[in-house]
Amino acid sequence: MKKIILFSMAVSLLSVLSTCGNDSTGPEPRSENWMPLSVGNCWSSTIEGYNIDPAGPDTFDLGGSVERTVTALLDHQGGFQVYEFETLMEMSFTNPDTYYVVAETLYIYLRNTGDEMREYQDTVSTDYMVIALFPLTLNEIWPASPVSDTNYEVVSLDASVTVPAGSFGNCGIIRETNLNAPDFICDRYFHRNMGIVRDSLVYGDLQKIIFNLESYDVIYNPSMSW
């Protein structure tokens, strides 16, 4: 049976498909409040969707939960600080004949330089991805790195979305695409002062995964946000 096509892309805050630049220093953060980064902030979401095996009869309904938490502010060996962002995910796969659960814990490390949000895979390497440019500007497109096949685009700054945690207007949407996977689209919805409220990952007709915010515990600090 085929495993979920884009499993790794679905479970982190913003997917890590390649490394991208090299960093040693940078300016102090300025106030951007789409994703509050204070230690202890937590977002819990439900999972829904489906996964189809194009080579066989297996079609699975997806369920489960994902919890994302800012767990620490750490010193990076490059001489700056990064926020450790933990993702705990349990995704269930169900069809009339089969049920199983995949569990995974992932960590990424985030740094707001004032001009961009950088994502690191650890606190040692200075390779990073640029996952947001500030201020968020409608229709702006940028690569994760000069050599990356991953692109990001701000496709809305006034989207509305309803999730179990409530209804939210004036959301920003950052869309992720990949030149090597033209059927892949991942939209992430952010609400000011509160953070991420929905992830929508689609891979053609074969896969759809939605993370909908169910509850959150967020302290907003303007100097620790993006």
N, C-alpha and C. Protein backbone atom coordinates (compact mmCIF):
# COMPACT_ATOMS: atom_id res chain seq x y z
N MET A 1 0.84 -1.18 0.00
CA MET A 1 0.00 0.00 0.00
C MET A 1 0.88 1.24 0.00
N LYS A 2 0.51 2.20 -0.78
CA LYS A 2 1.29 3.42 -0.90
C LYS A 2 1.16 4.28 0.35
N LYS A 3 2.29 4.80 0.82
CA LYS A 3 2.27 5.71 1.96
C LYS A 3 1.74 7.06 1.52
N ILE A 4 1.38 7.87 2.49
CA ILE A 4 0.85 9.19 2.18
C ILE A 4 1.88 9.98 1.37
N ILE A 5 1.45 10.63 0.32
CA ILE A 5 2.35 11.17 -0.69
C ILE A 5 3.24 12.27 -0.13
N LEU A 6 2.67 13.21 0.60
CA LEU A 6 3.40 14.38 1.04
C LEU A 6 3.37 14.48 2.56
N PHE A 7 3.58 13.36 3.22
CA PHE A 7 3.45 13.27 4.67
C PHE A 7 4.29 14.33 5.38
N SER A 8 5.56 14.43 5.02
CA SER A 8 6.44 15.35 5.71
C SER A 8 6.02 16.79 5.49
N MET A 9 5.44 17.12 4.34
CA MET A 9 5.02 18.48 4.07
C MET A 9 3.88 18.91 4.97
N ALA A 10 3.08 17.95 5.43
CA ALA A 10 1.86 18.30 6.14
C ALA A 10 2.05 18.55 7.61
N VAL A 11 3.16 18.10 8.21
CA VAL A 11 3.22 18.07 9.65
C VAL A 11 4.01 19.20 10.27
N SER A 12 4.75 19.96 9.53
CA SER A 12 5.48 21.07 10.12
C SER A 12 4.76 22.38 9.89
N LEU A 13 5.24 23.43 10.58
CA LEU A 13 4.62 24.74 10.39
C LEU A 13 4.69 25.18 8.94
N LEU A 14 5.89 25.14 8.37
CA LEU A 14 6.10 25.48 6.97
C LEU A 14 7.11 24.48 6.45
N SER A 15 6.79 23.81 5.35
CA SER A 15 7.46 22.60 4.94
C SER A 15 8.92 22.84 4.62
N VAL A 16 9.77 21.87 4.99
CA VAL A 16 11.19 21.95 4.71
C VAL A 16 11.49 21.04 3.54
N LEU A 17 11.68 21.60 2.35
CA LEU A 17 11.97 20.82 1.15
C LEU A 17 13.43 20.95 0.73
N SER A 18 14.09 22.01 1.17
CA SER A 18 15.50 22.20 0.82
C SER A 18 16.09 23.22 1.76
N THR A 19 17.41 23.31 1.82
CA THR A 19 18.05 24.37 2.57
C THR A 19 18.28 25.55 1.66
N CYS A 20 18.51 26.67 2.23
CA CYS A 20 18.67 27.86 1.39
C CYS A 20 19.62 28.91 1.82
N GLY A 21 20.08 29.59 2.23
CA GLY A 21 21.04 30.62 2.42
C GLY A 21 21.96 30.30 3.54
N ASN A 22 22.81 31.21 3.87
CA ASN A 22 23.73 31.04 4.98
C ASN A 22 23.67 32.30 5.81
N ASP A 23 23.63 32.16 7.14
CA ASP A 23 23.33 33.29 7.99
C ASP A 23 24.26 33.31 9.19
N SER A 24 24.76 34.49 9.55
CA SER A 24 25.55 34.60 10.77
C SER A 24 25.06 35.73 11.65
N THR A 25 24.59 36.83 11.06
CA THR A 25 24.08 37.94 11.86
C THR A 25 22.86 38.51 11.18
N GLY A 26 22.20 39.46 11.85
CA GLY A 26 21.03 40.10 11.25
C GLY A 26 20.47 41.13 12.19
N PRO A 27 19.60 42.02 11.68
CA PRO A 27 19.03 43.08 12.52
C PRO A 27 18.04 42.54 13.53
N GLU A 28 17.72 43.37 14.50
CA GLU A 28 16.75 42.99 15.51
C GLU A 28 15.35 42.93 14.90
N PRO A 29 14.47 42.05 15.44
CA PRO A 29 13.12 41.96 14.90
C PRO A 29 12.34 43.25 15.05
N ARG A 30 11.41 43.50 14.11
CA ARG A 30 10.45 44.57 14.27
C ARG A 30 9.07 43.93 14.39
N SER A 31 8.08 44.73 14.70
CA SER A 31 6.76 44.18 14.98
C SER A 31 6.06 43.72 13.71
N GLU A 32 5.80 42.43 13.60
CA GLU A 32 4.93 41.83 12.60
C GLU A 32 4.16 40.76 13.35
N ASN A 33 2.84 40.82 13.32
CA ASN A 33 2.07 40.06 14.30
C ASN A 33 1.24 38.94 13.69
N TRP A 34 1.66 38.35 12.58
CA TRP A 34 0.91 37.25 11.99
C TRP A 34 1.13 35.94 12.74
N MET A 35 2.25 35.80 13.43
CA MET A 35 2.54 34.54 14.15
C MET A 35 3.24 34.87 15.46
N PRO A 36 2.50 34.98 16.56
CA PRO A 36 3.12 35.36 17.84
C PRO A 36 4.11 34.29 18.31
N LEU A 37 5.34 34.72 18.54
CA LEU A 37 6.38 33.80 18.97
C LEU A 37 6.79 34.11 20.40
N SER A 38 6.00 33.63 21.33
CA SER A 38 6.34 33.67 22.75
C SER A 38 6.39 32.23 23.25
N VAL A 39 7.37 31.94 24.08
CA VAL A 39 7.50 30.57 24.60
C VAL A 39 6.23 30.19 25.35
N GLY A 40 5.69 29.02 25.04
CA GLY A 40 4.46 28.53 25.64
C GLY A 40 3.25 28.67 24.75
N ASN A 41 3.32 29.52 23.72
CA ASN A 41 2.20 29.64 22.79
C ASN A 41 1.92 28.29 22.13
N CYS A 42 0.64 27.95 22.01
CA CYS A 42 0.26 26.62 21.56
C CYS A 42 -0.99 26.70 20.69
N TRP A 43 -0.98 25.92 19.59
CA TRP A 43 -2.11 25.84 18.67
C TRP A 43 -2.46 24.37 18.46
N SER A 44 -3.70 23.99 18.76
CA SER A 44 -4.16 22.61 18.58
C SER A 44 -5.17 22.56 17.45
N SER A 45 -4.98 21.63 16.52
CA SER A 45 -5.83 21.55 15.33
C SER A 45 -6.31 20.13 15.10
N THR A 46 -7.47 20.03 14.43
CA THR A 46 -7.96 18.74 13.98
C THR A 46 -7.44 18.49 12.56
N ILE A 47 -7.45 17.22 12.15
CA ILE A 47 -7.02 16.82 10.81
C ILE A 47 -8.20 16.16 10.10
N GLU A 48 -8.40 16.52 8.84
CA GLU A 48 -9.38 15.84 8.01
C GLU A 48 -8.86 15.79 6.58
N GLY A 49 -9.39 14.86 5.79
CA GLY A 49 -8.99 14.79 4.40
C GLY A 49 -9.05 13.38 3.88
N TYR A 50 -8.32 13.13 2.79
CA TYR A 50 -8.30 11.80 2.17
C TYR A 50 -6.97 11.58 1.46
N ASN A 51 -6.66 10.32 1.22
CA ASN A 51 -5.47 9.93 0.48
C ASN A 51 -5.82 8.77 -0.44
N ILE A 52 -5.53 8.90 -1.72
CA ILE A 52 -5.85 7.89 -2.73
C ILE A 52 -4.57 7.32 -3.30
N ASP A 53 -4.49 6.01 -3.39
CA ASP A 53 -3.36 5.34 -4.02
C ASP A 53 -3.64 5.21 -5.51
N PRO A 54 -2.91 5.93 -6.37
CA PRO A 54 -3.21 5.86 -7.80
C PRO A 54 -2.89 4.52 -8.43
N ALA A 55 -2.09 3.69 -7.74
CA ALA A 55 -1.70 2.40 -8.29
C ALA A 55 -2.58 1.25 -7.81
N GLY A 56 -3.54 1.54 -6.96
CA GLY A 56 -4.34 0.44 -6.41
C GLY A 56 -5.66 0.93 -5.88
N PRO A 57 -6.38 0.04 -5.19
CA PRO A 57 -7.73 0.38 -4.74
C PRO A 57 -7.79 1.14 -3.43
N ASP A 58 -6.65 1.37 -2.79
CA ASP A 58 -6.68 1.93 -1.44
C ASP A 58 -7.05 3.41 -1.44
N THR A 59 -8.13 3.74 -0.77
CA THR A 59 -8.52 5.11 -0.50
C THR A 59 -8.76 5.23 1.00
N PHE A 60 -8.13 6.21 1.63
CA PHE A 60 -8.23 6.36 3.07
C PHE A 60 -8.82 7.71 3.43
N ASP A 61 -9.71 7.70 4.42
CA ASP A 61 -10.12 8.94 5.08
C ASP A 61 -9.09 9.26 6.15
N LEU A 62 -8.74 10.53 6.26
CA LEU A 62 -7.73 10.97 7.21
C LEU A 62 -8.38 11.68 8.39
N GLY A 63 -7.83 11.47 9.56
CA GLY A 63 -8.29 12.15 10.76
C GLY A 63 -7.12 12.32 11.71
N GLY A 64 -7.42 12.82 12.91
CA GLY A 64 -6.37 12.95 13.91
C GLY A 64 -6.24 14.35 14.45
N SER A 65 -5.06 14.64 14.98
CA SER A 65 -4.83 15.93 15.63
C SER A 65 -3.38 16.34 15.47
N VAL A 66 -3.15 17.63 15.57
CA VAL A 66 -1.78 18.17 15.54
C VAL A 66 -1.70 19.30 16.55
N GLU A 67 -0.64 19.31 17.33
CA GLU A 67 -0.41 20.36 18.32
C GLU A 67 0.94 20.99 18.05
N ARG A 68 0.94 22.32 17.91
CA ARG A 68 2.17 23.06 17.62
C ARG A 68 2.43 24.03 18.75
N THR A 69 3.67 24.02 19.26
CA THR A 69 4.00 24.78 20.46
C THR A 69 5.36 25.45 20.29
N VAL A 70 5.45 26.71 20.74
CA VAL A 70 6.74 27.37 20.86
C VAL A 70 7.34 26.90 22.18
N THR A 71 8.34 26.04 22.11
CA THR A 71 8.81 25.35 23.31
C THR A 71 10.01 26.00 23.98
N ALA A 72 10.79 26.81 23.26
CA ALA A 72 11.99 27.38 23.88
C ALA A 72 12.55 28.50 23.01
N LEU A 73 13.32 29.38 23.64
CA LEU A 73 14.14 30.37 22.96
C LEU A 73 15.58 29.95 23.18
N LEU A 74 16.28 29.61 22.09
CA LEU A 74 17.59 28.98 22.19
C LEU A 74 18.67 29.81 21.52
N ASP A 75 19.89 29.64 21.98
CA ASP A 75 21.05 30.26 21.35
C ASP A 75 21.50 29.40 20.17
N HIS A 76 21.61 30.03 19.02
CA HIS A 76 22.13 29.36 17.83
C HIS A 76 23.65 29.56 17.79
N GLN A 77 24.37 28.57 17.25
CA GLN A 77 25.82 28.68 17.19
C GLN A 77 26.27 29.78 16.25
N GLY A 78 25.36 30.29 15.42
CA GLY A 78 25.68 31.41 14.54
C GLY A 78 25.72 32.75 15.25
N GLY A 79 25.37 32.78 16.54
CA GLY A 79 25.46 34.02 17.30
C GLY A 79 24.16 34.77 17.42
N PHE A 80 23.04 34.11 17.25
CA PHE A 80 21.73 34.74 17.38
C PHE A 80 20.79 33.75 18.07
N GLN A 81 19.57 34.18 18.35
CA GLN A 81 18.61 33.32 19.03
C GLN A 81 17.52 32.87 18.06
N VAL A 82 17.00 31.67 18.33
CA VAL A 82 15.93 31.11 17.52
C VAL A 82 14.87 30.53 18.45
N TYR A 83 13.62 30.52 17.95
CA TYR A 83 12.53 29.90 18.69
C TYR A 83 12.37 28.46 18.24
N GLU A 84 12.38 27.55 19.20
CA GLU A 84 12.11 26.14 18.89
C GLU A 84 10.60 25.94 18.75
N PHE A 85 10.19 25.36 17.64
CA PHE A 85 8.77 25.18 17.32
C PHE A 85 8.52 23.69 17.16
N GLU A 86 7.73 23.13 18.09
CA GLU A 86 7.48 21.68 18.13
C GLU A 86 6.13 21.36 17.51
N THR A 87 6.10 20.32 16.67
CA THR A 87 4.86 19.82 16.10
C THR A 87 4.67 18.37 16.53
N LEU A 88 3.58 18.11 17.24
CA LEU A 88 3.18 16.75 17.62
C LEU A 88 1.97 16.37 16.80
N MET A 89 2.08 15.30 16.01
CA MET A 89 1.01 14.95 15.08
C MET A 89 0.67 13.48 15.19
N GLU A 90 -0.63 13.19 15.24
CA GLU A 90 -1.15 11.84 15.10
C GLU A 90 -2.19 11.85 13.99
N MET A 91 -1.90 11.14 12.90
CA MET A 91 -2.80 11.10 11.75
C MET A 91 -3.31 9.69 11.55
N SER A 92 -4.63 9.56 11.49
CA SER A 92 -5.25 8.25 11.32
C SER A 92 -5.63 8.03 9.86
N PHE A 93 -5.53 6.77 9.42
CA PHE A 93 -5.88 6.36 8.06
C PHE A 93 -6.96 5.28 8.18
N THR A 94 -8.12 5.53 7.57
CA THR A 94 -9.26 4.63 7.75
C THR A 94 -9.89 4.32 6.40
N ASN A 95 -10.15 3.02 6.15
CA ASN A 95 -11.05 2.60 5.08
C ASN A 95 -11.81 1.38 5.58
N PRO A 96 -12.69 0.78 4.81
CA PRO A 96 -13.49 -0.33 5.35
C PRO A 96 -12.68 -1.52 5.84
N ASP A 97 -11.44 -1.66 5.37
CA ASP A 97 -10.64 -2.84 5.72
C ASP A 97 -9.47 -2.55 6.65
N THR A 98 -9.12 -1.29 6.80
CA THR A 98 -7.86 -0.97 7.49
C THR A 98 -8.01 0.27 8.34
N TYR A 99 -7.32 0.25 9.48
CA TYR A 99 -7.19 1.44 10.30
C TYR A 99 -5.80 1.45 10.91
N TYR A 100 -5.09 2.56 10.75
CA TYR A 100 -3.82 2.69 11.45
C TYR A 100 -3.54 4.16 11.70
N VAL A 101 -2.57 4.40 12.61
CA VAL A 101 -2.23 5.75 13.03
C VAL A 101 -0.73 5.95 12.86
N VAL A 102 -0.36 7.08 12.29
CA VAL A 102 1.04 7.47 12.17
C VAL A 102 1.28 8.65 13.11
N ALA A 103 2.26 8.53 13.98
CA ALA A 103 2.59 9.58 14.93
C ALA A 103 4.00 10.09 14.64
N GLU A 104 4.18 11.40 14.76
CA GLU A 104 5.49 11.98 14.49
C GLU A 104 5.65 13.26 15.29
N THR A 105 6.89 13.50 15.75
CA THR A 105 7.25 14.74 16.41
C THR A 105 8.35 15.42 15.60
N LEU A 106 8.13 16.67 15.25
CA LEU A 106 9.09 17.42 14.44
C LEU A 106 9.45 18.72 15.14
N TYR A 107 10.66 19.21 14.87
CA TYR A 107 11.11 20.49 15.39
C TYR A 107 11.67 21.34 14.25
N ILE A 108 11.32 22.62 14.24
CA ILE A 108 11.99 23.59 13.41
C ILE A 108 12.37 24.76 14.30
N TYR A 109 13.21 25.66 13.78
CA TYR A 109 13.75 26.76 14.57
C TYR A 109 13.58 28.05 13.78
N LEU A 110 12.89 29.03 14.38
CA LEU A 110 12.45 30.22 13.67
C LEU A 110 13.19 31.46 14.17
N ARG A 111 13.53 32.33 13.21
CA ARG A 111 14.19 33.59 13.55
C ARG A 111 13.60 34.71 12.71
N ASN A 112 13.17 35.77 13.38
CA ASN A 112 12.68 36.97 12.71
C ASN A 112 13.82 37.98 12.65
N THR A 113 14.30 38.29 11.43
CA THR A 113 15.39 39.25 11.29
C THR A 113 14.88 40.68 11.17
N GLY A 114 13.58 40.86 11.07
CA GLY A 114 13.00 42.17 10.81
C GLY A 114 12.54 42.30 9.37
N ASP A 115 13.31 41.75 8.43
CA ASP A 115 12.95 41.78 7.02
C ASP A 115 12.36 40.45 6.54
N GLU A 116 12.62 39.38 7.25
CA GLU A 116 12.14 38.07 6.83
C GLU A 116 12.10 37.11 8.00
N MET A 117 11.30 36.04 7.84
CA MET A 117 11.30 34.95 8.80
C MET A 117 12.14 33.83 8.22
N ARG A 118 13.11 33.36 8.99
CA ARG A 118 14.01 32.30 8.56
C ARG A 118 13.73 31.03 9.36
N GLU A 119 13.74 29.92 8.68
CA GLU A 119 13.51 28.61 9.30
C GLU A 119 14.78 27.78 9.20
N TYR A 120 15.25 27.31 10.36
CA TYR A 120 16.45 26.47 10.45
C TYR A 120 16.04 25.07 10.87
N GLN A 121 16.84 24.08 10.50
CA GLN A 121 16.55 22.71 10.89
C GLN A 121 17.17 22.34 12.23
N ASP A 122 18.11 23.15 12.72
CA ASP A 122 18.74 22.88 14.00
C ASP A 122 19.37 24.17 14.51
N THR A 123 20.11 24.08 15.61
CA THR A 123 20.74 25.27 16.18
C THR A 123 22.23 25.32 15.88
N VAL A 124 22.66 24.55 14.89
CA VAL A 124 24.07 24.49 14.52
C VAL A 124 24.30 25.04 13.12
N SER A 125 23.59 24.47 12.14
CA SER A 125 23.76 24.87 10.76
C SER A 125 23.23 26.28 10.53
N THR A 126 23.93 27.06 9.68
CA THR A 126 23.45 28.39 9.33
C THR A 126 22.66 28.38 8.03
N ASP A 127 22.38 27.21 7.44
CA ASP A 127 21.48 27.11 6.29
C ASP A 127 20.05 27.37 6.75
N TYR A 128 19.28 28.05 5.94
CA TYR A 128 17.91 28.39 6.34
C TYR A 128 17.03 28.53 5.12
N MET A 129 15.71 28.51 5.37
CA MET A 129 14.70 28.83 4.37
C MET A 129 14.07 30.16 4.72
N VAL A 130 13.75 30.96 3.72
CA VAL A 130 13.00 32.20 3.92
C VAL A 130 11.53 31.85 3.73
N ILE A 131 10.76 31.88 4.81
CA ILE A 131 9.36 31.45 4.74
C ILE A 131 8.37 32.61 4.78
N ALA A 132 8.87 33.83 5.03
CA ALA A 132 8.01 35.02 4.96
C ALA A 132 8.89 36.25 4.78
N LEU A 133 8.40 37.20 3.98
CA LEU A 133 9.04 38.49 3.81
C LEU A 133 8.16 39.56 4.44
N PHE A 134 8.79 40.56 5.09
CA PHE A 134 8.05 41.59 5.79
C PHE A 134 8.23 42.95 5.14
N PRO A 135 7.15 43.74 5.12
CA PRO A 135 5.79 43.34 5.52
C PRO A 135 5.20 42.40 4.47
N LEU A 136 4.24 41.56 4.91
CA LEU A 136 3.55 40.72 3.94
C LEU A 136 2.88 41.61 2.90
N THR A 137 3.12 41.31 1.64
CA THR A 137 2.63 42.14 0.54
C THR A 137 1.87 41.27 -0.44
N LEU A 138 0.65 41.65 -0.74
CA LEU A 138 -0.19 40.85 -1.62
C LEU A 138 0.49 40.62 -2.96
N ASN A 139 0.45 39.37 -3.40
CA ASN A 139 0.98 38.91 -4.69
C ASN A 139 2.51 38.82 -4.74
N GLU A 140 3.18 39.11 -3.64
CA GLU A 140 4.64 38.98 -3.65
C GLU A 140 5.02 37.50 -3.68
N ILE A 141 5.99 37.16 -4.52
CA ILE A 141 6.47 35.79 -4.69
C ILE A 141 7.97 35.77 -4.41
N TRP A 142 8.43 34.72 -3.71
CA TRP A 142 9.87 34.59 -3.47
C TRP A 142 10.23 33.11 -3.36
N PRO A 143 11.46 32.76 -3.72
CA PRO A 143 11.92 31.38 -3.56
C PRO A 143 12.39 31.14 -2.14
N ALA A 144 12.31 29.90 -1.71
CA ALA A 144 12.84 29.56 -0.39
C ALA A 144 14.35 29.83 -0.33
N SER A 145 15.01 29.69 -1.47
CA SER A 145 16.42 30.03 -1.59
C SER A 145 16.73 30.20 -3.07
N PRO A 146 17.89 30.74 -3.40
CA PRO A 146 18.22 30.90 -4.82
C PRO A 146 18.29 29.59 -5.60
N VAL A 147 18.52 28.48 -4.90
CA VAL A 147 18.65 27.19 -5.59
C VAL A 147 17.47 26.26 -5.30
N SER A 148 16.44 26.75 -4.64
CA SER A 148 15.32 25.91 -4.24
C SER A 148 14.26 25.83 -5.33
N ASP A 149 13.56 24.69 -5.38
CA ASP A 149 12.39 24.52 -6.25
C ASP A 149 11.10 24.95 -5.56
N THR A 150 11.19 25.35 -4.30
CA THR A 150 10.02 25.78 -3.54
C THR A 150 9.84 27.29 -3.63
N ASN A 151 8.60 27.70 -3.92
CA ASN A 151 8.27 29.11 -3.94
C ASN A 151 7.14 29.40 -2.97
N TYR A 152 7.12 30.63 -2.45
CA TYR A 152 6.03 31.11 -1.60
C TYR A 152 5.41 32.33 -2.25
N GLU A 153 4.11 32.52 -1.99
CA GLU A 153 3.39 33.67 -2.51
C GLU A 153 2.32 34.09 -1.51
N VAL A 154 2.19 35.39 -1.29
CA VAL A 154 1.11 35.92 -0.47
C VAL A 154 -0.10 36.08 -1.39
N VAL A 155 -1.10 35.20 -1.23
CA VAL A 155 -2.24 35.19 -2.15
C VAL A 155 -3.46 35.93 -1.60
N SER A 156 -3.46 36.28 -0.32
CA SER A 156 -4.55 37.07 0.26
C SER A 156 -4.09 37.71 1.55
N LEU A 157 -4.67 38.87 1.84
CA LEU A 157 -4.50 39.53 3.13
C LEU A 157 -5.84 39.82 3.78
N ASP A 158 -6.92 39.34 3.18
CA ASP A 158 -8.26 39.61 3.73
C ASP A 158 -9.17 38.39 3.62
N ALA A 159 -8.60 37.19 3.75
CA ALA A 159 -9.40 35.97 3.65
C ALA A 159 -10.21 35.75 4.92
N SER A 160 -11.34 35.07 4.77
CA SER A 160 -12.18 34.68 5.91
C SER A 160 -12.20 33.16 5.99
N VAL A 161 -12.18 32.64 7.21
CA VAL A 161 -12.19 31.20 7.40
C VAL A 161 -12.92 30.87 8.70
N THR A 162 -13.68 29.77 8.69
CA THR A 162 -14.35 29.27 9.89
C THR A 162 -13.78 27.92 10.25
N VAL A 163 -13.32 27.79 11.48
CA VAL A 163 -12.73 26.56 12.00
C VAL A 163 -13.37 26.28 13.36
N PRO A 164 -13.11 25.10 13.97
CA PRO A 164 -13.72 24.83 15.28
C PRO A 164 -13.44 25.90 16.34
N ALA A 165 -12.31 26.60 16.23
CA ALA A 165 -11.98 27.63 17.22
C ALA A 165 -12.75 28.92 17.01
N GLY A 166 -13.44 29.06 15.85
CA GLY A 166 -14.21 30.28 15.60
C GLY A 166 -14.10 30.73 14.15
N SER A 167 -14.64 31.90 13.87
CA SER A 167 -14.58 32.51 12.54
C SER A 167 -13.59 33.66 12.57
N PHE A 168 -12.74 33.72 11.54
CA PHE A 168 -11.67 34.70 11.52
C PHE A 168 -11.66 35.40 10.16
N GLY A 169 -11.64 36.72 10.17
CA GLY A 169 -11.56 37.52 8.96
C GLY A 169 -10.20 38.18 8.83
N ASN A 170 -9.96 38.77 7.67
CA ASN A 170 -8.71 39.48 7.41
C ASN A 170 -7.48 38.61 7.64
N CYS A 171 -7.57 37.37 7.20
CA CYS A 171 -6.45 36.45 7.33
C CYS A 171 -5.48 36.62 6.16
N GLY A 172 -4.21 36.46 6.43
CA GLY A 172 -3.21 36.37 5.38
C GLY A 172 -3.02 34.92 4.98
N ILE A 173 -2.84 34.68 3.69
CA ILE A 173 -2.59 33.33 3.19
C ILE A 173 -1.24 33.31 2.48
N ILE A 174 -0.35 32.45 2.93
CA ILE A 174 0.92 32.20 2.25
C ILE A 174 0.81 30.85 1.54
N ARG A 175 0.99 30.87 0.22
CA ARG A 175 0.88 29.65 -0.59
C ARG A 175 2.27 29.11 -0.92
N GLU A 176 2.42 27.80 -0.71
CA GLU A 176 3.66 27.11 -1.05
C GLU A 176 3.43 26.23 -2.27
N THR A 177 4.32 26.32 -3.25
CA THR A 177 4.29 25.45 -4.42
C THR A 177 5.70 24.92 -4.66
N ASN A 178 5.77 23.92 -5.56
CA ASN A 178 7.07 23.33 -5.85
C ASN A 178 7.15 22.99 -7.33
N LEU A 179 8.24 23.41 -7.97
CA LEU A 179 8.39 23.21 -9.41
C LEU A 179 8.45 21.74 -9.79
N ASN A 180 8.89 20.90 -8.87
CA ASN A 180 8.98 19.47 -9.15
C ASN A 180 7.69 18.72 -8.85
N ALA A 181 6.72 19.40 -8.28
CA ALA A 181 5.42 18.78 -7.96
C ALA A 181 4.33 19.78 -8.32
N PRO A 182 4.03 19.94 -9.62
CA PRO A 182 3.10 21.00 -10.05
C PRO A 182 1.69 20.85 -9.51
N ASP A 183 1.29 19.64 -9.07
CA ASP A 183 -0.05 19.44 -8.53
C ASP A 183 -0.13 19.77 -7.04
N PHE A 184 0.99 20.12 -6.43
CA PHE A 184 1.04 20.38 -5.00
C PHE A 184 0.78 21.86 -4.71
N ILE A 185 -0.19 22.13 -3.83
CA ILE A 185 -0.47 23.49 -3.35
C ILE A 185 -0.72 23.39 -1.84
N CYS A 186 -0.03 24.19 -1.08
CA CYS A 186 -0.27 24.25 0.37
C CYS A 186 -0.52 25.69 0.76
N ASP A 187 -1.74 25.97 1.22
CA ASP A 187 -2.12 27.31 1.70
C ASP A 187 -2.17 27.30 3.22
N ARG A 188 -1.54 28.31 3.83
CA ARG A 188 -1.58 28.45 5.27
C ARG A 188 -2.18 29.81 5.62
N TYR A 189 -3.20 29.77 6.49
CA TYR A 189 -3.96 30.95 6.87
C TYR A 189 -3.45 31.45 8.22
N PHE A 190 -3.13 32.74 8.29
CA PHE A 190 -2.65 33.36 9.52
C PHE A 190 -3.57 34.53 9.89
N HIS A 191 -3.87 34.63 11.18
CA HIS A 191 -4.69 35.74 11.68
C HIS A 191 -3.83 36.60 12.59
N ARG A 192 -3.94 37.91 12.43
CA ARG A 192 -3.11 38.83 13.21
C ARG A 192 -3.29 38.62 14.72
N ASN A 193 -2.18 38.66 15.40
CA ASN A 193 -2.10 38.53 16.86
C ASN A 193 -2.39 37.13 17.37
N MET A 194 -2.77 36.20 16.48
CA MET A 194 -3.16 34.88 16.94
C MET A 194 -2.41 33.74 16.28
N GLY A 195 -1.97 33.92 15.04
CA GLY A 195 -1.17 32.90 14.39
C GLY A 195 -1.93 32.06 13.39
N ILE A 196 -1.49 30.85 13.22
CA ILE A 196 -1.98 29.99 12.15
C ILE A 196 -3.33 29.40 12.54
N VAL A 197 -4.31 29.48 11.61
CA VAL A 197 -5.64 28.97 11.89
C VAL A 197 -6.05 27.83 10.96
N ARG A 198 -5.42 27.73 9.81
CA ARG A 198 -5.73 26.61 8.90
C ARG A 198 -4.53 26.33 7.99
N ASP A 199 -4.31 25.03 7.73
CA ASP A 199 -3.41 24.57 6.68
C ASP A 199 -4.25 23.77 5.70
N SER A 200 -4.09 24.04 4.42
CA SER A 200 -4.81 23.30 3.38
C SER A 200 -3.80 22.79 2.36
N LEU A 201 -3.59 21.48 2.35
CA LEU A 201 -2.61 20.86 1.46
C LEU A 201 -3.36 20.00 0.45
N VAL A 202 -3.12 20.26 -0.83
CA VAL A 202 -3.77 19.52 -1.91
C VAL A 202 -2.70 19.02 -2.86
N TYR A 203 -2.82 17.75 -3.26
CA TYR A 203 -1.94 17.18 -4.27
C TYR A 203 -2.81 16.59 -5.36
N GLY A 204 -3.20 17.44 -6.31
CA GLY A 204 -4.08 17.03 -7.39
C GLY A 204 -5.37 16.45 -6.85
N ASP A 205 -5.80 15.32 -7.46
CA ASP A 205 -6.99 14.61 -7.00
C ASP A 205 -6.65 13.51 -6.02
N LEU A 206 -5.37 13.34 -5.69
CA LEU A 206 -4.94 12.18 -4.92
C LEU A 206 -4.92 12.42 -3.41
N GLN A 207 -4.79 13.65 -3.01
CA GLN A 207 -4.61 13.88 -1.58
C GLN A 207 -5.11 15.27 -1.19
N LYS A 208 -5.79 15.31 -0.06
CA LYS A 208 -6.19 16.57 0.55
C LYS A 208 -6.07 16.43 2.06
N ILE A 209 -5.37 17.36 2.67
CA ILE A 209 -5.19 17.35 4.12
C ILE A 209 -5.49 18.75 4.64
N ILE A 210 -6.38 18.85 5.61
CA ILE A 210 -6.75 20.13 6.21
C ILE A 210 -6.47 20.07 7.71
N PHE A 211 -5.73 21.04 8.21
CA PHE A 211 -5.58 21.25 9.64
C PHE A 211 -6.45 22.45 10.01
N ASN A 212 -7.44 22.25 10.87
CA ASN A 212 -8.32 23.33 11.31
C ASN A 212 -8.09 23.61 12.80
N LEU A 213 -7.83 24.86 13.12
CA LEU A 213 -7.56 25.23 14.51
C LEU A 213 -8.76 24.91 15.39
N GLU A 214 -8.50 24.21 16.50
CA GLU A 214 -9.55 23.85 17.44
C GLU A 214 -9.47 24.65 18.73
N SER A 215 -8.25 24.89 19.20
CA SER A 215 -8.06 25.69 20.41
C SER A 215 -6.66 26.29 20.38
N TYR A 216 -6.45 27.32 21.19
CA TYR A 216 -5.14 27.97 21.20
C TYR A 216 -4.93 28.67 22.53
N ASP A 217 -3.67 28.83 22.87
CA ASP A 217 -3.27 29.56 24.07
C ASP A 217 -2.10 30.44 23.65
N VAL A 218 -2.38 31.72 23.40
CA VAL A 218 -1.41 32.59 22.76
C VAL A 218 -1.23 33.87 23.57
N ILE A 219 0.01 34.21 23.85
CA ILE A 219 0.38 35.50 24.40
C ILE A 219 1.03 36.29 23.27
N TYR A 220 0.50 37.48 23.00
CA TYR A 220 1.04 38.29 21.91
C TYR A 220 2.05 39.28 22.44
N ASN A 221 3.29 39.17 21.96
CA ASN A 221 4.35 40.12 22.29
C ASN A 221 4.83 40.71 20.98
N PRO A 222 4.61 42.01 20.71
CA PRO A 222 4.93 42.59 19.41
C PRO A 222 6.37 42.40 18.99
N SER A 223 7.31 42.29 19.92
CA SER A 223 8.71 42.15 19.56
C SER A 223 9.10 40.71 19.27
N MET A 224 8.17 39.79 19.42
CA MET A 224 8.47 38.37 19.23
C MET A 224 7.48 37.75 18.27
N SER A 225 7.17 38.42 17.19
CA SER A 225 6.12 37.97 16.29
C SER A 225 6.54 38.19 14.85
N TRP A 226 5.72 37.63 13.95
CA TRP A 226 5.92 37.94 12.52
C TRP A 226 4.61 37.99 11.82
